C-alpha atoms as a PDB file:
ATOM      1  CA  UNK A   1     -27.979  -6.921  49.457  1.00  0.00           C
ATOM      2  CA  UNK A   2     -30.328  -5.951  46.034  1.00  0.00           C
ATOM      3  CA  UNK A   3     -29.661  -2.996  45.900  1.00  0.00           C
ATOM      4  CA  UNK A   4     -25.307  -3.659  46.082  1.00  0.00           C
ATOM      5  CA  UNK A   5     -25.276  -6.259  43.368  1.00  0.00           C
ATOM      6  CA  UNK A   6     -28.149  -4.334  41.247  1.00  0.00           C
ATOM      7  CA  UNK A   7     -25.661  -1.257  41.554  1.00  0.00           C
ATOM      8  CA  UNK A   8     -22.316  -4.293  40.327  1.00  0.00           C
ATOM      9  CA  UNK A   9     -23.480  -5.203  37.736  1.00  0.00           C
ATOM     10  CA  UNK A  10     -24.404  -1.949  36.606  1.00  0.00           C
ATOM     11  CA  UNK A  11     -20.649  -1.002  36.769  1.00  0.00           C
ATOM     12  CA  UNK A  12     -19.796  -3.977  35.195  1.00  0.00           C
ATOM     13  CA  UNK A  13     -21.524  -3.417  31.866  1.00  0.00           C
ATOM     14  CA  UNK A  14     -20.279   0.469  32.002  1.00  0.00           C
ATOM     15  CA  UNK A  15     -16.798  -1.120  32.119  1.00  0.00           C
ATOM     16  CA  UNK A  16     -17.368  -3.180  29.602  1.00  0.00           C
ATOM     17  CA  UNK A  17     -18.850  -0.647  27.209  1.00  0.00           C
ATOM     18  CA  UNK A  18     -15.504   0.979  27.486  1.00  0.00           C
ATOM     19  CA  UNK A  19     -13.480  -0.714  26.953  1.00  0.00           C
ATOM     20  CA  UNK A  20     -16.005  -1.705  23.820  1.00  0.00           C
ATOM     21  CA  UNK A  21     -15.835   1.929  23.026  1.00  0.00           C
ATOM     22  CA  UNK A  22     -12.135   2.115  23.161  1.00  0.00           C
ATOM     23  CA  UNK A  23     -10.968  -0.801  21.330  1.00  0.00           C
ATOM     24  CA  UNK A  24     -13.286  -0.287  17.858  1.00  0.00           C
ATOM     25  CA  UNK A  25     -11.779   3.137  18.312  1.00  0.00           C
ATOM     26  CA  UNK A  26      -8.935   2.354  17.976  1.00  0.00           C
ATOM     27  CA  UNK A  27      -8.979  -1.003  14.905  1.00  0.00           C
ATOM     28  CA  UNK A  28     -11.067   1.395  13.091  1.00  0.00           C
ATOM     29  CA  UNK A  29      -7.715   4.380  13.394  1.00  0.00           C
ATOM     30  CA  UNK A  30      -5.508   1.530  11.670  1.00  0.00           C
ATOM     31  CA  UNK A  31      -8.045   0.175   9.898  1.00  0.00           C
ATOM     32  CA  UNK A  32      -7.994   3.473   8.043  1.00  0.00           C
ATOM     33  CA  UNK A  33      -4.612   4.022   7.722  1.00  0.00           C
ATOM     34  CA  UNK A  34      -4.527   0.591   6.303  1.00  0.00           C
ATOM     35  CA  UNK A  35      -7.333   1.191   3.624  1.00  0.00           C
ATOM     36  CA  UNK A  36      -5.874   4.449   2.864  1.00  0.00           C
ATOM     37  CA  UNK A  37      -2.531   3.018   2.664  1.00  0.00           C
ATOM     38  CA  UNK A  38      -3.643  -0.240   0.142  1.00  0.00           C
ATOM     39  CA  UNK A  39      -5.074   2.513  -2.482  1.00  0.00           C
ATOM     40  CA  UNK A  40      -2.451   4.276  -2.559  1.00  0.00           C
ATOM     41  CA  UNK A  41      -0.293   1.817  -3.254  1.00  0.00           C
ATOM     42  CA  UNK A  42      -3.221   0.675  -5.834  1.00  0.00           C
ATOM     43  CA  UNK A  43      -3.450   3.796  -7.634  1.00  0.00           C
ATOM     44  CA  UNK A  44       0.692   3.972  -7.213  1.00  0.00           C
ATOM     45  CA  UNK A  45       1.107   0.247  -9.337  1.00  0.00           C
ATOM     46  CA  UNK A  46      -1.420   1.629 -12.026  1.00  0.00           C
ATOM     47  CA  UNK A  47       0.705   4.776 -12.623  1.00  0.00           C
ATOM     48  CA  UNK A  48       4.092   3.576 -12.410  1.00  0.00           C
ATOM     49  CA  UNK A  49       2.686   0.452 -14.723  1.00  0.00           C
ATOM     50  CA  UNK A  50       1.332   3.865 -17.531  1.00  0.00           C
ATOM     51  CA  UNK A  51       4.885   5.530 -16.338  1.00  0.00           C
ATOM     52  CA  UNK A  52       7.104   2.873 -17.897  1.00  0.00           C
ATOM     53  CA  UNK A  53       5.385   1.796 -21.198  1.00  0.00           C
ATOM     54  CA  UNK A  54       4.934   5.414 -22.340  1.00  0.00           C
ATOM     55  CA  UNK A  55       8.131   5.775 -21.554  1.00  0.00           C
ATOM     56  CA  UNK A  56       9.618   2.333 -22.624  1.00  0.00           C
ATOM     57  CA  UNK A  57      12.265   1.687 -19.998  1.00  0.00           C
ATOM     58  CA  UNK A  58      13.080  -2.032 -21.311  1.00  0.00           C
ATOM     59  CA  UNK A  59      11.034  -3.493 -18.678  1.00  0.00           C
ATOM     60  CA  UNK A  60       7.616  -3.988 -17.629  1.00  0.00           C
ATOM     61  CA  UNK A  61       4.860  -4.670 -14.758  1.00  0.00           C
ATOM     62  CA  UNK A  62       2.918  -7.310 -14.856  1.00  0.00           C
ATOM     63  CA  UNK A  63       0.006  -6.195 -13.055  1.00  0.00           C
ATOM     64  CA  UNK A  64      -2.141  -9.267 -11.915  1.00  0.00           C
ATOM     65  CA  UNK A  65      -3.210 -10.761  -8.553  1.00  0.00           C
ATOM     66  CA  UNK A  66       0.374 -11.265  -7.186  1.00  0.00           C
ATOM     67  CA  UNK A  67       1.601  -7.770  -7.888  1.00  0.00           C
ATOM     68  CA  UNK A  68      -1.977  -6.571  -6.152  1.00  0.00           C
ATOM     69  CA  UNK A  69      -1.961  -8.309  -3.138  1.00  0.00           C
ATOM     70  CA  UNK A  70       1.804  -7.134  -1.982  1.00  0.00           C
ATOM     71  CA  UNK A  71       0.620  -3.205  -3.143  1.00  0.00           C
ATOM     72  CA  UNK A  72      -2.642  -3.917  -1.190  1.00  0.00           C
ATOM     73  CA  UNK A  73      -1.072  -5.731   1.408  1.00  0.00           C
ATOM     74  CA  UNK A  74       2.628  -2.955   1.293  1.00  0.00           C
ATOM     75  CA  UNK A  75       1.390   0.361  -0.059  1.00  0.00           C
ATOM     76  CA  UNK A  76       4.120   2.235  -1.088  1.00  0.00           C
ATOM     77  CA  UNK A  77       6.942   0.071   0.049  1.00  0.00           C
ATOM     78  CA  UNK A  78       4.539  -2.944  -1.996  1.00  0.00           C
ATOM     79  CA  UNK A  79       5.149  -1.128  -5.445  1.00  0.00           C
ATOM     80  CA  UNK A  80       8.482  -0.387  -4.773  1.00  0.00           C
ATOM     81  CA  UNK A  81       9.146  -3.990  -4.898  1.00  0.00           C
ATOM     82  CA  UNK A  82       7.405  -5.293  -7.219  1.00  0.00           C
ATOM     83  CA  UNK A  83       8.641  -2.113  -9.316  1.00  0.00           C
ATOM     84  CA  UNK A  84      12.315  -3.730  -8.320  1.00  0.00           C
ATOM     85  CA  UNK A  85      11.512  -7.124  -9.381  1.00  0.00           C
ATOM     86  CA  UNK A  86       9.715  -6.379 -12.381  1.00  0.00           C
ATOM     87  CA  UNK A  87      13.347  -4.293 -13.661  1.00  0.00           C
ATOM     88  CA  UNK A  88      15.617  -7.069 -12.134  1.00  0.00           C
ATOM     89  CA  UNK A  89      12.841  -9.746 -14.672  1.00  0.00           C
ATOM     90  CA  UNK A  90      12.289 -11.446 -11.726  1.00  0.00           C
ATOM     91  CA  UNK A  91       8.507 -12.350 -12.257  1.00  0.00           C
ATOM     92  CA  UNK A  92       5.437 -13.109 -10.643  1.00  0.00           C
ATOM     93  CA  UNK A  93       3.309 -15.173 -10.829  1.00  0.00           C
ATOM     94  CA  UNK A  94       0.805 -16.925  -9.062  1.00  0.00           C
ATOM     95  CA  UNK A  95       2.143 -20.824  -8.229  1.00  0.00           C
END
């Protein structure tokens, strides 16, 4: 009787450990994608600001914590949104 209880506990712990390992694996896989996307977005924001400033295109992309947050969360689409808002002269100012 005691052997069955120990075996069931060991089996339950093994199942929980495998499930936790799988959950951590998929979380890190998604987190890696989000981190790379954020870094690429921030780099593109700074590069686009330099290029727009060098070409004197008639508008500017303000770099503040709102635009950095949009680019960090949105990545490349976030950079496109910030550039389009700068082109339309919509200020990205904190409330």
